[in-house]
Amino acid sequence: MKTNRTLSILKIFQQNYPEYFMEAAELGLFMIVASVATTILEYPLSPLYQAIPNSFVRLVLIGITMGATAIALIYSPWGKQSGAHFNPAVTLTFLRLGKMQKWDAIFYIVFQFIGGWIGLLLAAQLIRLPFTRPPINYIVTVPGASGIWFAFVGEFIIAFIQMSVVLYISNTRKLAPYTGVFAGCLVTTYVIVESPLSGFGMNPARTFASALPANIWPGIWLYFVAPITGMLLASEVYGLLRGFHRIKCAKLVHFHHIGNRCIHCDARLKKVHEPV
């Protein structure tokens, strides 16, 4: 029995491993860009830091860079194929909505954590001391001066808004092609507005990737609990207000052209047609 189950899991991995590696690469690239952008704009000896003395302007530039990176990843060939989650909270939400198979979701989350960590380590090798020492310190996310509960509320709210917007836009015919633009613009806004409260995590794998090499863990639980509960609640509210049947797929951008597979829709259809 256990052997058959193991073989079944291995078969799922063999069939869908390209999407798992895409998820890892997407978050890894996001972490590299975030690391480089933050270092060159916030490290005191950086020429850009010295050329731009206004901290708010620097924060805006970081926000724009991260929003643009998110948009580029979502609309990239890999993002279109995997669905561009690169966030365990997003994956768990689509699993809860029945738009993913369990083992696909598990592998997505495992590879998101691995990808984020590897991306962070590559950034550390590239930038070295300016990145690994304060004030950059592996771009670790920690509660701001307002305290842990303000950070929790901030993380919860932005996660709730993010998933609410993604579900509404991606499942509205005329707006669906612009889901990635809306998601990226929200990332920019969060970096500017919310990061002073929590450092802007909204992604357990992103937070863990920084916390592990930095060995900085204050409030680590909130960066797991707040994003996941915020997105799950957003999906419940969307389902109650607009109907769960409106949610088409576990992709941020519904890319279903002929010749391009979708492991999420295919998995769901196969599950529906399985004999009882």
C-alpha atoms as a PDB file:
ATOM      1  CA  MET A   1       0.000   0.000   0.000  1.00  0.00           C
ATOM      2  CA  LYS A   2       2.766   2.413   0.982  1.00  0.00           C
ATOM      3  CA  THR A   3       4.749   1.400  -2.104  1.00  0.00           C
ATOM      4  CA  ASN A   4       1.818   2.177  -4.401  1.00  0.00           C
ATOM      5  CA  ARG A   5       1.313   5.534  -2.705  1.00  0.00           C
ATOM      6  CA  THR A   6       5.004   6.390  -3.072  1.00  0.00           C
ATOM      7  CA  LEU A   7       4.930   5.431  -6.756  1.00  0.00           C
ATOM      8  CA  SER A   8       1.862   7.605  -7.253  1.00  0.00           C
ATOM      9  CA  ILE A   9       3.594  10.600  -5.663  1.00  0.00           C
ATOM     10  CA  LEU A  10       6.710  10.003  -7.771  1.00  0.00           C
ATOM     11  CA  LYS A  11       4.546   9.871 -10.892  1.00  0.00           C
ATOM     12  CA  ILE A  12       2.985  13.224 -10.017  1.00  0.00           C
ATOM     13  CA  PHE A  13       6.461  14.688  -9.517  1.00  0.00           C
ATOM     14  CA  GLN A  14       7.721  13.287 -12.815  1.00  0.00           C
ATOM     15  CA  GLN A  15       4.738  14.717 -14.662  1.00  0.00           C
ATOM     16  CA  ASN A  16       4.718  18.170 -13.144  1.00  0.00           C
ATOM     17  CA  TYR A  17       8.271  18.882 -11.965  1.00  0.00           C
ATOM     18  CA  PRO A  18       8.809  21.646 -14.584  1.00  0.00           C
ATOM     19  CA  GLU A  19       6.174  23.778 -12.863  1.00  0.00           C
ATOM     20  CA  TYR A  20       7.740  23.108  -9.451  1.00  0.00           C
ATOM     21  CA  PHE A  21      11.141  24.284 -10.657  1.00  0.00           C
ATOM     22  CA  MET A  22       9.525  27.327 -12.299  1.00  0.00           C
ATOM     23  CA  GLU A  23       8.020  28.315  -8.955  1.00  0.00           C
ATOM     24  CA  ALA A  24      11.422  27.981  -7.305  1.00  0.00           C
ATOM     25  CA  ALA A  25      13.102  30.052 -10.010  1.00  0.00           C
ATOM     26  CA  GLU A  26      10.450  32.777  -9.882  1.00  0.00           C
ATOM     27  CA  LEU A  27      10.828  33.402  -6.153  1.00  0.00           C
ATOM     28  CA  GLY A  28      14.607  33.002  -6.413  1.00  0.00           C
ATOM     29  CA  LEU A  29      14.767  35.730  -9.058  1.00  0.00           C
ATOM     30  CA  PHE A  30      12.451  37.934  -7.019  1.00  0.00           C
ATOM     31  CA  MET A  31      14.751  37.573  -4.011  1.00  0.00           C
ATOM     32  CA  ILE A  32      17.848  38.406  -6.054  1.00  0.00           C
ATOM     33  CA  VAL A  33      16.294  41.583  -7.458  1.00  0.00           C
ATOM     34  CA  ALA A  34      14.991  42.596  -4.022  1.00  0.00           C
ATOM     35  CA  SER A  35      18.436  42.027  -2.510  1.00  0.00           C
ATOM     36  CA  VAL A  36      20.309  44.013  -5.158  1.00  0.00           C
ATOM     37  CA  ALA A  37      17.805  46.884  -5.253  1.00  0.00           C
ATOM     38  CA  THR A  38      17.688  47.239  -1.473  1.00  0.00           C
ATOM     39  CA  THR A  39      21.466  47.118  -1.121  1.00  0.00           C
ATOM     40  CA  ILE A  40      22.300  49.710  -3.768  1.00  0.00           C
ATOM     41  CA  LEU A  41      19.623  52.070  -2.437  1.00  0.00           C
ATOM     42  CA  GLU A  42      19.968  51.545   1.323  1.00  0.00           C
ATOM     43  CA  TYR A  43      23.589  50.637   2.028  1.00  0.00           C
ATOM     44  CA  PRO A  44      25.182  53.846   3.424  1.00  0.00           C
ATOM     45  CA  LEU A  45      28.335  53.570   1.297  1.00  0.00           C
ATOM     46  CA  SER A  46      26.415  52.987  -1.925  1.00  0.00           C
ATOM     47  CA  PRO A  47      26.716  55.832  -4.486  1.00  0.00           C
ATOM     48  CA  LEU A  48      22.942  55.768  -5.035  1.00  0.00           C
ATOM     49  CA  TYR A  49      22.286  56.034  -1.314  1.00  0.00           C
ATOM     50  CA  GLN A  50      24.521  59.081  -1.138  1.00  0.00           C
ATOM     51  CA  ALA A  51      23.025  60.587  -4.301  1.00  0.00           C
ATOM     52  CA  ILE A  52      19.438  60.200  -3.026  1.00  0.00           C
ATOM     53  CA  PRO A  53      19.366  61.466   0.574  1.00  0.00           C
ATOM     54  CA  ASN A  54      15.556  61.324   0.853  1.00  0.00           C
ATOM     55  CA  SER A  55      14.637  57.970   2.429  1.00  0.00           C
ATOM     56  CA  PHE A  56      11.075  58.089   1.107  1.00  0.00           C
ATOM     57  CA  VAL A  57      12.273  58.530  -2.480  1.00  0.00           C
ATOM     58  CA  ARG A  58      14.567  55.541  -2.045  1.00  0.00           C
ATOM     59  CA  LEU A  59      11.659  53.496  -0.680  1.00  0.00           C
ATOM     60  CA  VAL A  60       9.528  54.450  -3.678  1.00  0.00           C
ATOM     61  CA  LEU A  61      12.297  53.354  -6.037  1.00  0.00           C
ATOM     62  CA  ILE A  62      12.578  50.001  -4.261  1.00  0.00           C
ATOM     63  CA  GLY A  63       8.802  49.613  -4.448  1.00  0.00           C
ATOM     64  CA  ILE A  64       8.709  50.347  -8.170  1.00  0.00           C
ATOM     65  CA  THR A  65      11.542  47.889  -8.783  1.00  0.00           C
ATOM     66  CA  MET A  66       9.814  45.118  -6.863  1.00  0.00           C
ATOM     67  CA  GLY A  67       6.435  45.776  -8.451  1.00  0.00           C
ATOM     68  CA  ALA A  68       7.970  45.738 -11.920  1.00  0.00           C
ATOM     69  CA  THR A  69       9.801  42.496 -11.092  1.00  0.00           C
ATOM     70  CA  ALA A  70       6.566  40.861  -9.942  1.00  0.00           C
ATOM     71  CA  ILE A  71       4.825  41.926 -13.158  1.00  0.00           C
ATOM     72  CA  ALA A  72       7.693  40.616 -15.301  1.00  0.00           C
ATOM     73  CA  LEU A  73       7.644  37.248 -13.519  1.00  0.00           C
ATOM     74  CA  ILE A  74       3.859  36.889 -13.738  1.00  0.00           C
ATOM     75  CA  TYR A  75       3.851  37.502 -17.507  1.00  0.00           C
ATOM     76  CA  SER A  76       7.014  35.526 -18.191  1.00  0.00           C
ATOM     77  CA  PRO A  77       6.666  32.135 -19.942  1.00  0.00           C
ATOM     78  CA  TRP A  78       7.404  30.420 -16.625  1.00  0.00           C
ATOM     79  CA  GLY A  79       4.870  32.538 -14.756  1.00  0.00           C
ATOM     80  CA  LYS A  80       2.184  31.814 -17.317  1.00  0.00           C
ATOM     81  CA  GLN A  81       2.816  28.085 -17.118  1.00  0.00           C
ATOM     82  CA  SER A  82       3.157  27.597 -13.360  1.00  0.00           C
ATOM     83  CA  GLY A  83       0.612  30.256 -12.437  1.00  0.00           C
ATOM     84  CA  ALA A  84       3.142  32.607 -10.836  1.00  0.00           C
ATOM     85  CA  HIS A  85       2.285  31.907  -7.223  1.00  0.00           C
ATOM     86  CA  PHE A  86       5.855  32.019  -5.813  1.00  0.00           C
ATOM     87  CA  ASN A  87       4.150  32.311  -2.428  1.00  0.00           C
ATOM     88  CA  PRO A  88       2.974  29.448  -0.168  1.00  0.00           C
ATOM     89  CA  ALA A  89       0.004  31.539   1.007  1.00  0.00           C
ATOM     90  CA  VAL A  90      -1.229  31.843  -2.590  1.00  0.00           C
ATOM     91  CA  THR A  91      -0.752  28.129  -3.200  1.00  0.00           C
ATOM     92  CA  LEU A  92      -2.580  27.132  -0.009  1.00  0.00           C
ATOM     93  CA  THR A  93      -5.468  29.394  -0.960  1.00  0.00           C
ATOM     94  CA  PHE A  94      -5.892  27.791  -4.381  1.00  0.00           C
ATOM     95  CA  LEU A  95      -5.613  24.372  -2.743  1.00  0.00           C
ATOM     96  CA  ARG A  96      -8.412  25.339  -0.358  1.00  0.00           C
ATOM     97  CA  LEU A  97     -10.481  26.472  -3.341  1.00  0.00           C
ATOM     98  CA  GLY A  98     -10.061  23.067  -4.982  1.00  0.00           C
ATOM     99  CA  LYS A  99      -8.071  24.436  -7.915  1.00  0.00           C
ATOM    100  CA  MET A 100      -4.941  22.359  -7.220  1.00  0.00           C
ATOM    101  CA  GLN A 101      -4.165  18.770  -6.385  1.00  0.00           C
ATOM    102  CA  LYS A 102      -2.746  18.199  -2.910  1.00  0.00           C
ATOM    103  CA  TRP A 103       0.667  16.958  -4.018  1.00  0.00           C
ATOM    104  CA  ASP A 104       1.068  19.707  -6.578  1.00  0.00           C
ATOM    105  CA  ALA A 105       0.462  22.209  -3.781  1.00  0.00           C
ATOM    106  CA  ILE A 106       2.927  20.441  -1.477  1.00  0.00           C
ATOM    107  CA  PHE A 107       5.659  20.397  -4.125  1.00  0.00           C
ATOM    108  CA  TYR A 108       4.927  24.034  -5.028  1.00  0.00           C
ATOM    109  CA  ILE A 109       5.433  25.093  -1.418  1.00  0.00           C
ATOM    110  CA  VAL A 110       8.591  23.012  -0.934  1.00  0.00           C
ATOM    111  CA  PHE A 111      10.153  24.431  -4.090  1.00  0.00           C
ATOM    112  CA  GLN A 112       9.096  27.988  -3.214  1.00  0.00           C
ATOM    113  CA  PHE A 113      10.998  27.717   0.058  1.00  0.00           C
ATOM    114  CA  ILE A 114      14.012  26.186  -1.678  1.00  0.00           C
ATOM    115  CA  GLY A 115      13.968  28.749  -4.487  1.00  0.00           C
ATOM    116  CA  GLY A 116      13.699  31.728  -2.173  1.00  0.00           C
ATOM    117  CA  TRP A 117      16.557  30.444  -0.015  1.00  0.00           C
ATOM    118  CA  ILE A 118      18.830  29.733  -2.983  1.00  0.00           C
ATOM    119  CA  GLY A 119      18.071  33.133  -4.490  1.00  0.00           C
ATOM    120  CA  LEU A 120      18.992  34.789  -1.221  1.00  0.00           C
ATOM    121  CA  LEU A 121      22.245  32.843  -0.975  1.00  0.00           C
ATOM    122  CA  LEU A 122      23.158  33.744  -4.565  1.00  0.00           C
ATOM    123  CA  ALA A 123      22.527  37.405  -3.757  1.00  0.00           C
ATOM    124  CA  ALA A 124      24.756  37.095  -0.692  1.00  0.00           C
ATOM    125  CA  GLN A 125      27.553  35.635  -2.832  1.00  0.00           C
ATOM    126  CA  LEU A 126      27.123  38.402  -5.392  1.00  0.00           C
ATOM    127  CA  ILE A 127      26.937  41.396  -3.031  1.00  0.00           C
ATOM    128  CA  ARG A 128      28.784  40.005   0.003  1.00  0.00           C
ATOM    129  CA  LEU A 129      29.417  42.260   3.028  1.00  0.00           C
ATOM    130  CA  PRO A 130      27.161  45.206   2.085  1.00  0.00           C
ATOM    131  CA  PHE A 131      24.278  42.723   1.915  1.00  0.00           C
ATOM    132  CA  THR A 132      25.061  40.507   4.891  1.00  0.00           C
ATOM    133  CA  ARG A 133      25.806  43.222   7.464  1.00  0.00           C
ATOM    134  CA  PRO A 134      23.445  45.849   8.969  1.00  0.00           C
ATOM    135  CA  PRO A 135      21.469  47.774   7.900  1.00  0.00           C
ATOM    136  CA  ILE A 136      20.642  45.458   4.974  1.00  0.00           C
ATOM    137  CA  ASN A 137      21.207  42.214   6.898  1.00  0.00           C
ATOM    138  CA  TYR A 138      19.879  39.787   4.267  1.00  0.00           C
ATOM    139  CA  ILE A 139      16.760  42.007   3.783  1.00  0.00           C
ATOM    140  CA  VAL A 140      15.262  40.252   6.790  1.00  0.00           C
ATOM    141  CA  THR A 141      11.635  41.092   7.624  1.00  0.00           C
ATOM    142  CA  VAL A 142      11.042  42.086  11.246  1.00  0.00           C
ATOM    143  CA  PRO A 143       8.292  44.049  13.003  1.00  0.00           C
ATOM    144  CA  GLY A 144       8.750  47.809  12.837  1.00  0.00           C
ATOM    145  CA  ALA A 145       8.881  50.313  15.670  1.00  0.00           C
ATOM    146  CA  SER A 146       5.111  50.086  16.184  1.00  0.00           C
ATOM    147  CA  GLY A 147       5.430  46.523  17.440  1.00  0.00           C
ATOM    148  CA  ILE A 148       4.495  42.981  16.598  1.00  0.00           C
ATOM    149  CA  TRP A 149       0.712  43.373  16.556  1.00  0.00           C
ATOM    150  CA  PHE A 150       0.792  46.332  14.179  1.00  0.00           C
ATOM    151  CA  ALA A 151       3.033  44.211  11.962  1.00  0.00           C
ATOM    152  CA  PHE A 152       0.551  41.342  12.158  1.00  0.00           C
ATOM    153  CA  VAL A 153      -2.393  43.550  11.237  1.00  0.00           C
ATOM    154  CA  GLY A 154      -0.421  45.104   8.388  1.00  0.00           C
ATOM    155  CA  GLU A 155       0.566  41.711   6.966  1.00  0.00           C
ATOM    156  CA  PHE A 156      -2.977  40.395   7.313  1.00  0.00           C
ATOM    157  CA  ILE A 157      -4.536  43.390   5.565  1.00  0.00           C
ATOM    158  CA  ILE A 158      -2.186  43.418   2.589  1.00  0.00           C
ATOM    159  CA  ALA A 159      -2.588  39.647   2.133  1.00  0.00           C
ATOM    160  CA  PHE A 160      -6.356  39.993   2.248  1.00  0.00           C
ATOM    161  CA  ILE A 161      -6.309  42.822  -0.301  1.00  0.00           C
ATOM    162  CA  GLN A 162      -3.849  41.017  -2.581  1.00  0.00           C
ATOM    163  CA  MET A 163      -5.885  37.820  -2.857  1.00  0.00           C
ATOM    164  CA  SER A 164      -9.181  39.709  -3.110  1.00  0.00           C
ATOM    165  CA  VAL A 165      -7.864  41.729  -6.049  1.00  0.00           C
ATOM    166  CA  VAL A 166      -6.270  38.702  -7.746  1.00  0.00           C
ATOM    167  CA  LEU A 167      -9.492  36.681  -7.534  1.00  0.00           C
ATOM    168  CA  TYR A 168     -11.702  39.523  -8.688  1.00  0.00           C
ATOM    169  CA  ILE A 169      -9.509  40.702 -11.559  1.00  0.00           C
ATOM    170  CA  SER A 170      -8.450  37.262 -12.821  1.00  0.00           C
ATOM    171  CA  ASN A 171     -12.056  36.068 -12.926  1.00  0.00           C
ATOM    172  CA  THR A 172     -13.499  39.148 -14.630  1.00  0.00           C
ATOM    173  CA  ARG A 173     -13.333  38.618 -18.384  1.00  0.00           C
ATOM    174  CA  LYS A 174     -12.346  42.140 -19.485  1.00  0.00           C
ATOM    175  CA  LEU A 175      -9.860  42.676 -16.661  1.00  0.00           C
ATOM    176  CA  ALA A 176      -8.279  39.206 -16.473  1.00  0.00           C
ATOM    177  CA  PRO A 177      -5.352  39.943 -18.844  1.00  0.00           C
ATOM    178  CA  TYR A 178      -4.253  42.746 -16.491  1.00  0.00           C
ATOM    179  CA  THR A 179      -4.159  40.662 -13.296  1.00  0.00           C
ATOM    180  CA  GLY A 180      -0.371  40.789 -13.187  1.00  0.00           C
ATOM    181  CA  VAL A 181      -0.345  44.567 -13.541  1.00  0.00           C
ATOM    182  CA  PHE A 182      -2.756  44.982 -10.643  1.00  0.00           C
ATOM    183  CA  ALA A 183      -0.763  42.515  -8.504  1.00  0.00           C
ATOM    184  CA  GLY A 184       2.532  44.272  -9.264  1.00  0.00           C
ATOM    185  CA  CYS A 185       1.118  47.726  -8.545  1.00  0.00           C
ATOM    186  CA  LEU A 186      -0.102  46.468  -5.189  1.00  0.00           C
ATOM    187  CA  VAL A 187       3.389  45.145  -4.401  1.00  0.00           C
ATOM    188  CA  THR A 188       4.789  48.615  -5.118  1.00  0.00           C
ATOM    189  CA  THR A 189       2.175  50.174  -2.842  1.00  0.00           C
ATOM    190  CA  TYR A 190       2.876  47.714  -0.023  1.00  0.00           C
ATOM    191  CA  VAL A 191       6.612  48.360  -0.114  1.00  0.00           C
ATOM    192  CA  ILE A 192       5.991  52.091   0.220  1.00  0.00           C
ATOM    193  CA  VAL A 193       3.108  52.086   2.696  1.00  0.00           C
ATOM    194  CA  GLU A 194       3.264  48.865   4.703  1.00  0.00           C
ATOM    195  CA  SER A 195       6.962  47.940   4.886  1.00  0.00           C
ATOM    196  CA  PRO A 196       7.642  50.369   7.780  1.00  0.00           C
ATOM    197  CA  LEU A 197       5.220  48.275   9.861  1.00  0.00           C
ATOM    198  CA  SER A 198       6.531  44.784   9.107  1.00  0.00           C
ATOM    199  CA  GLY A 199       9.278  44.966   6.497  1.00  0.00           C
ATOM    200  CA  PHE A 200       6.707  43.727   3.950  1.00  0.00           C
ATOM    201  CA  GLY A 201       6.710  39.949   3.957  1.00  0.00           C
ATOM    202  CA  MET A 202       3.288  38.695   2.749  1.00  0.00           C
ATOM    203  CA  ASN A 203       5.159  35.530   1.773  1.00  0.00           C
ATOM    204  CA  PRO A 204       6.310  32.894   4.298  1.00  0.00           C
ATOM    205  CA  ALA A 205       8.968  31.535   1.924  1.00  0.00           C
ATOM    206  CA  ARG A 206      10.393  35.023   1.321  1.00  0.00           C
ATOM    207  CA  THR A 207      10.584  35.736   5.063  1.00  0.00           C
ATOM    208  CA  PHE A 208      12.120  32.357   5.879  1.00  0.00           C
ATOM    209  CA  ALA A 209      14.735  32.750   3.130  1.00  0.00           C
ATOM    210  CA  SER A 210      16.066  35.903   4.824  1.00  0.00           C
ATOM    211  CA  ALA A 211      15.642  34.796   8.429  1.00  0.00           C
ATOM    212  CA  LEU A 212      17.622  31.567   8.000  1.00  0.00           C
ATOM    213  CA  PRO A 213      21.054  32.984   7.012  1.00  0.00           C
ATOM    214  CA  ALA A 214      20.562  36.108   9.127  1.00  0.00           C
ATOM    215  CA  ASN A 215      19.497  33.990  12.132  1.00  0.00           C
ATOM    216  CA  ILE A 216      16.960  36.676  13.021  1.00  0.00           C
ATOM    217  CA  TRP A 217      13.586  35.297  14.085  1.00  0.00           C
ATOM    218  CA  PRO A 218      11.575  37.887  16.065  1.00  0.00           C
ATOM    219  CA  GLY A 219       7.894  37.609  15.213  1.00  0.00           C
ATOM    220  CA  ILE A 220       8.572  34.902  12.632  1.00  0.00           C
ATOM    221  CA  TRP A 221       5.195  33.290  13.352  1.00  0.00           C
ATOM    222  CA  LEU A 222       3.254  36.340  12.173  1.00  0.00           C
ATOM    223  CA  TYR A 223       4.866  36.160   8.717  1.00  0.00           C
ATOM    224  CA  PHE A 224       3.362  32.698   8.359  1.00  0.00           C
ATOM    225  CA  VAL A 225       0.013  33.149  10.091  1.00  0.00           C
ATOM    226  CA  ALA A 226      -1.007  36.596   8.811  1.00  0.00           C
ATOM    227  CA  PRO A 227      -0.470  36.072   5.047  1.00  0.00           C
ATOM    228  CA  ILE A 228      -2.062  32.624   5.044  1.00  0.00           C
ATOM    229  CA  THR A 229      -5.117  33.588   7.098  1.00  0.00           C
ATOM    230  CA  GLY A 230      -5.513  36.862   5.207  1.00  0.00           C
ATOM    231  CA  MET A 231      -5.556  35.176   1.807  1.00  0.00           C
ATOM    232  CA  LEU A 232      -7.754  32.298   2.948  1.00  0.00           C
ATOM    233  CA  LEU A 233     -10.283  34.731   4.392  1.00  0.00           C
ATOM    234  CA  ALA A 234     -10.223  36.762   1.168  1.00  0.00           C
ATOM    235  CA  SER A 235     -11.052  33.631  -0.831  1.00  0.00           C
ATOM    236  CA  GLU A 236     -13.968  32.830   1.479  1.00  0.00           C
ATOM    237  CA  VAL A 237     -15.344  36.351   1.199  1.00  0.00           C
ATOM    238  CA  TYR A 238     -14.985  36.295  -2.595  1.00  0.00           C
ATOM    239  CA  GLY A 239     -16.747  32.937  -2.789  1.00  0.00           C
ATOM    240  CA  LEU A 240     -19.629  34.101  -0.625  1.00  0.00           C
ATOM    241  CA  LEU A 241     -20.086  37.395  -2.492  1.00  0.00           C
ATOM    242  CA  ARG A 242     -19.494  36.295  -6.094  1.00  0.00           C
ATOM    243  CA  GLY A 243     -19.646  32.504  -5.984  1.00  0.00           C
ATOM    244  CA  PHE A 244     -16.885  29.910  -5.832  1.00  0.00           C
ATOM    245  CA  HIS A 245     -17.921  28.696  -9.291  1.00  0.00           C
ATOM    246  CA  ARG A 246     -16.528  31.912 -10.804  1.00  0.00           C
ATOM    247  CA  ILE A 247     -12.939  30.976  -9.881  1.00  0.00           C
ATOM    248  CA  LYS A 248     -11.574  29.447 -13.059  1.00  0.00           C
ATOM    249  CA  CYS A 249      -7.995  28.361 -12.383  1.00  0.00           C
ATOM    250  CA  ALA A 250      -5.061  28.500  -9.977  1.00  0.00           C
ATOM    251  CA  LYS A 251      -3.138  30.799 -12.303  1.00  0.00           C
ATOM    252  CA  LEU A 252      -2.808  34.521 -11.760  1.00  0.00           C
ATOM    253  CA  VAL A 253      -2.999  34.948 -15.538  1.00  0.00           C
ATOM    254  CA  HIS A 254      -5.257  32.384 -17.207  1.00  0.00           C
ATOM    255  CA  PHE A 255      -2.949  31.311 -20.020  1.00  0.00           C
ATOM    256  CA  HIS A 256      -4.671  28.356 -21.703  1.00  0.00           C
ATOM    257  CA  HIS A 257      -3.634  28.515 -25.336  1.00  0.00           C
ATOM    258  CA  ILE A 258      -3.571  25.371 -27.429  1.00  0.00           C
ATOM    259  CA  GLY A 259      -0.268  23.574 -26.925  1.00  0.00           C
ATOM    260  CA  ASN A 260       0.363  25.076 -23.488  1.00  0.00           C
ATOM    261  CA  ARG A 261      -0.519  22.680 -20.695  1.00  0.00           C
ATOM    262  CA  CYS A 262      -2.107  23.670 -17.398  1.00  0.00           C
ATOM    263  CA  ILE A 263      -1.508  21.177 -14.619  1.00  0.00           C
ATOM    264  CA  HIS A 264      -4.174  22.870 -12.490  1.00  0.00           C
ATOM    265  CA  CYS A 265      -7.117  22.660 -14.862  1.00  0.00           C
ATOM    266  CA  ASP A 266      -6.040  19.250 -16.160  1.00  0.00           C
ATOM    267  CA  ALA A 267      -5.731  17.930 -12.609  1.00  0.00           C
ATOM    268  CA  ARG A 268      -9.155  19.264 -11.706  1.00  0.00           C
ATOM    269  CA  LEU A 269     -10.793  17.743 -14.795  1.00  0.00           C
ATOM    270  CA  LYS A 270      -9.162  14.380 -14.136  1.00  0.00           C
ATOM    271  CA  LYS A 271     -10.345  14.488 -10.556  1.00  0.00           C
ATOM    272  CA  VAL A 272     -13.907  15.270 -11.629  1.00  0.00           C
ATOM    273  CA  HIS A 273     -13.920  12.314 -14.039  1.00  0.00           C
ATOM    274  CA  GLU A 274     -12.490   9.800 -11.588  1.00  0.00           C
ATOM    275  CA  PRO A 275     -14.981   7.022 -10.820  1.00  0.00           C
ATOM    276  CA  VAL A 276     -16.508   7.173  -7.362  1.00  0.00           C
END
